[in-house]
Structure formats: C-alpha cells, structure tokens
Amino acid sequence: MVLPVKVSAQQSTLLVHTVDISGVGARLGGLRMQLQPGSTIDLQRGSRKAKFMVKWIQQLGANEIQIGVEFLEPQDNFWGVDLAQQDRDTKKEIDALMTLLGRSAKNSP
C-alpha cells in the first residue's frame, strides 16, 4: 500500500512513500539518503510518530533507495489502516503451507 511518510534521519527530513506495510514494519521507497542497516530513523504518518530500525537497504537506481524498516516502539494503527484482516489472512496462508509441507514430508521415502 502506498502511503506518504516523512523520514527523519541524519538531521534531515524527507518525504518518501511506503511500498509495503505490516504490523511490524514496512518497505519504504523514494529515499535519497544513505543509511546503514541497524540505524534508527523516525517516521511520521499524519500526526503519528514512531521510531524504526533499518533492517535492509536496496539501491534501485542512481537516485533511489528502498529500505526495510521495523518498529522499535510498535503503535496500534500507525499506518491509519486496519491490518488485522491482513494478519489473519497471512496466518491462514502460513498454516496452510505448513500443513502441505508436513504432508509432503510424511509421504517422502
């Protein structure tokens, strides 16, 4: 889901966008500053603010970086979107996959 977000890091504030969001973090795009995995950044979505840790970085082009971030201080409804149904659907998909893998392992010689 694409949502506008302000990133504050290294005494700079930039407007970026989400590429993916979840209850534990997000993938952000449109970043134009160099960050390191493990660094801490502040995100602002509307009036909500939270601290995140940069988990990974991917250089997509000369002027675009995507980063994966994880909440350091989880907040309910930080994104302004109800993720409860998505979390339930993801759990169902993982449970179904584990069931299939378990059956496959039992049928292997």
C-alpha atoms as a PDB file:
ATOM      1  CA  MET A   1       0.000   0.000   0.000  1.00  0.00           C
ATOM      2  CA  VAL A   2       1.435   3.387  -0.990  1.00  0.00           C
ATOM      3  CA  LEU A   3       1.215   5.988   1.773  1.00  0.00           C
ATOM      4  CA  PRO A   4       3.202   9.231   2.155  1.00  0.00           C
ATOM      5  CA  VAL A   5       5.585   9.227   5.130  1.00  0.00           C
ATOM      6  CA  LYS A   6       8.156  11.672   6.491  1.00  0.00           C
ATOM      7  CA  VAL A   7      11.539  10.183   7.367  1.00  0.00           C
ATOM      8  CA  SER A   8      13.840  11.976   9.780  1.00  0.00           C
ATOM      9  CA  ALA A   9      17.445  10.791   9.968  1.00  0.00           C
ATOM     10  CA  GLN A  10      20.892  12.327   9.982  1.00  0.00           C
ATOM     11  CA  GLN A  11      19.429  15.788  10.726  1.00  0.00           C
ATOM     12  CA  SER A  12      17.360  15.647   7.508  1.00  0.00           C
ATOM     13  CA  THR A  13      13.666  15.159   6.860  1.00  0.00           C
ATOM     14  CA  LEU A  14      12.430  13.699   3.581  1.00  0.00           C
ATOM     15  CA  LEU A  15       9.039  12.808   2.161  1.00  0.00           C
ATOM     16  CA  VAL A  16       9.045   9.167   0.986  1.00  0.00           C
ATOM     17  CA  HIS A  17       6.359   6.545   0.400  1.00  0.00           C
ATOM     18  CA  THR A  18       5.539   3.088   1.609  1.00  0.00           C
ATOM     19  CA  VAL A  19       5.737   0.178  -0.809  1.00  0.00           C
ATOM     20  CA  ASP A  20       4.532  -2.489   1.636  1.00  0.00           C
ATOM     21  CA  ILE A  21       3.258  -2.137   5.181  1.00  0.00           C
ATOM     22  CA  SER A  22       2.682  -4.579   8.022  1.00  0.00           C
ATOM     23  CA  GLY A  23       2.024  -4.521  11.731  1.00  0.00           C
ATOM     24  CA  VAL A  24       5.771  -4.831  12.424  1.00  0.00           C
ATOM     25  CA  GLY A  25       7.316  -2.609   9.785  1.00  0.00           C
ATOM     26  CA  ALA A  26       7.381  -1.509   6.159  1.00  0.00           C
ATOM     27  CA  ARG A  27       9.291  -1.242   2.917  1.00  0.00           C
ATOM     28  CA  LEU A  28       9.891   2.397   2.003  1.00  0.00           C
ATOM     29  CA  GLY A  29      10.685   3.792  -1.429  1.00  0.00           C
ATOM     30  CA  GLY A  30      11.775   7.135  -2.815  1.00  0.00           C
ATOM     31  CA  LEU A  31      14.595   7.507  -0.305  1.00  0.00           C
ATOM     32  CA  ARG A  32      17.506   9.693  -1.384  1.00  0.00           C
ATOM     33  CA  MET A  33      19.830   9.478   1.608  1.00  0.00           C
ATOM     34  CA  GLN A  34      22.371   6.842   2.504  1.00  0.00           C
ATOM     35  CA  LEU A  35      21.507   4.875   5.635  1.00  0.00           C
ATOM     36  CA  GLN A  36      23.042   1.803   7.204  1.00  0.00           C
ATOM     37  CA  PRO A  37      21.313  -1.364   8.422  1.00  0.00           C
ATOM     38  CA  GLY A  38      20.889  -1.071  12.172  1.00  0.00           C
ATOM     39  CA  SER A  39      20.461   2.702  12.115  1.00  0.00           C
ATOM     40  CA  THR A  40      17.457   4.285  13.804  1.00  0.00           C
ATOM     41  CA  ILE A  41      15.077   6.626  11.977  1.00  0.00           C
ATOM     42  CA  ASP A  42      11.893   8.473  12.889  1.00  0.00           C
ATOM     43  CA  LEU A  43       8.807   8.146  10.704  1.00  0.00           C
ATOM     44  CA  GLN A  44       5.807  10.426  10.748  1.00  0.00           C
ATOM     45  CA  ARG A  45       2.451   9.493   9.243  1.00  0.00           C
ATOM     46  CA  GLY A  46      -0.009  12.329   9.792  1.00  0.00           C
ATOM     47  CA  SER A  47       0.200  13.213  13.480  1.00  0.00           C
ATOM     48  CA  ARG A  48       1.633   9.794  14.448  1.00  0.00           C
ATOM     49  CA  LYS A  49       5.366   9.402  15.026  1.00  0.00           C
ATOM     50  CA  ALA A  50       7.406   6.270  15.703  1.00  0.00           C
ATOM     51  CA  LYS A  51      10.998   5.063  15.815  1.00  0.00           C
ATOM     52  CA  PHE A  52      12.120   2.348  13.404  1.00  0.00           C
ATOM     53  CA  MET A  53      15.287   0.350  12.794  1.00  0.00           C
ATOM     54  CA  VAL A  54      16.604  -0.012   9.258  1.00  0.00           C
ATOM     55  CA  LYS A  55      16.813  -3.770   8.580  1.00  0.00           C
ATOM     56  CA  TRP A  56      17.945  -3.786   4.936  1.00  0.00           C
ATOM     57  CA  ILE A  57      18.789  -1.413   2.078  1.00  0.00           C
ATOM     58  CA  GLN A  58      18.468  -1.888  -1.687  1.00  0.00           C
ATOM     59  CA  GLN A  59      19.842   0.571  -4.245  1.00  0.00           C
ATOM     60  CA  LEU A  60      17.383   0.605  -7.182  1.00  0.00           C
ATOM     61  CA  GLY A  61      18.980   3.330  -9.234  1.00  0.00           C
ATOM     62  CA  ALA A  62      21.360   6.239  -9.022  1.00  0.00           C
ATOM     63  CA  ASN A  63      18.825   8.303  -7.086  1.00  0.00           C
ATOM     64  CA  GLU A  64      16.501   5.788  -5.459  1.00  0.00           C
ATOM     65  CA  ILE A  65      16.911   3.564  -2.461  1.00  0.00           C
ATOM     66  CA  GLN A  66      14.388   1.245  -0.827  1.00  0.00           C
ATOM     67  CA  ILE A  67      14.719   0.247   2.800  1.00  0.00           C
ATOM     68  CA  GLY A  68      13.062  -2.276   5.054  1.00  0.00           C
ATOM     69  CA  VAL A  69      12.227  -0.917   8.498  1.00  0.00           C
ATOM     70  CA  GLU A  70      10.942  -2.481  11.700  1.00  0.00           C
ATOM     71  CA  PHE A  71       9.103  -0.760  14.568  1.00  0.00           C
ATOM     72  CA  LEU A  72      11.209  -0.152  17.663  1.00  0.00           C
ATOM     73  CA  GLU A  73       8.102   1.063  19.507  1.00  0.00           C
ATOM     74  CA  PRO A  74       5.055  -0.618  17.920  1.00  0.00           C
ATOM     75  CA  GLN A  75       1.921   1.507  17.789  1.00  0.00           C
ATOM     76  CA  ASP A  76      -1.623   0.462  17.103  1.00  0.00           C
ATOM     77  CA  ASN A  77      -2.880   1.767  13.780  1.00  0.00           C
ATOM     78  CA  PHE A  78       0.294   3.757  12.995  1.00  0.00           C
ATOM     79  CA  TRP A  79      -0.393   3.460   9.274  1.00  0.00           C
ATOM     80  CA  GLY A  80      -4.032   4.538   9.609  1.00  0.00           C
ATOM     81  CA  VAL A  81      -5.075   1.221   8.060  1.00  0.00           C
ATOM     82  CA  ASP A  82      -6.632  -1.812   9.761  1.00  0.00           C
ATOM     83  CA  LEU A  83      -4.090  -4.588   9.258  1.00  0.00           C
ATOM     84  CA  ALA A  84      -5.929  -7.144  11.424  1.00  0.00           C
ATOM     85  CA  GLN A  85      -7.562  -8.870   8.430  1.00  0.00           C
ATOM     86  CA  GLN A  86      -4.248  -8.964   6.558  1.00  0.00           C
ATOM     87  CA  ASP A  87      -2.554 -10.521   9.602  1.00  0.00           C
ATOM     88  CA  ARG A  88      -5.306 -13.166   9.850  1.00  0.00           C
ATOM     89  CA  ASP A  89      -5.034 -13.942   6.115  1.00  0.00           C
ATOM     90  CA  THR A  90      -1.252 -14.237   6.358  1.00  0.00           C
ATOM     91  CA  LYS A  91      -1.552 -16.612   9.322  1.00  0.00           C
ATOM     92  CA  LYS A  92      -4.035 -18.782   7.368  1.00  0.00           C
ATOM     93  CA  GLU A  93      -1.658 -18.903   4.395  1.00  0.00           C
ATOM     94  CA  ILE A  94       1.288 -19.875   6.594  1.00  0.00           C
ATOM     95  CA  ASP A  95      -0.787 -22.542   8.368  1.00  0.00           C
ATOM     96  CA  ALA A  96      -1.893 -23.989   5.001  1.00  0.00           C
ATOM     97  CA  LEU A  97       1.701 -24.021   3.741  1.00  0.00           C
ATOM     98  CA  MET A  98       2.933 -25.759   6.894  1.00  0.00           C
ATOM     99  CA  THR A  99       0.168 -28.365   6.547  1.00  0.00           C
ATOM    100  CA  LEU A 100       1.182 -29.046   2.936  1.00  0.00           C
ATOM    101  CA  LEU A 101       4.843 -29.269   3.876  1.00  0.00           C
ATOM    102  CA  GLY A 102       4.009 -31.647   6.730  1.00  0.00           C
ATOM    103  CA  ARG A 103       2.042 -33.932   4.388  1.00  0.00           C
ATOM    104  CA  SER A 104       4.854 -33.835   1.839  1.00  0.00           C
ATOM    105  CA  ALA A 105       7.410 -34.842   4.455  1.00  0.00           C
ATOM    106  CA  LYS A 106       5.263 -37.802   5.581  1.00  0.00           C
ATOM    107  CA  ASN A 107       4.917 -39.058   2.007  1.00  0.00           C
ATOM    108  CA  SER A 108       8.620 -38.848   1.208  1.00  0.00           C
ATOM    109  CA  PRO A 109      10.579 -42.133   1.233  1.00  0.00           C
END
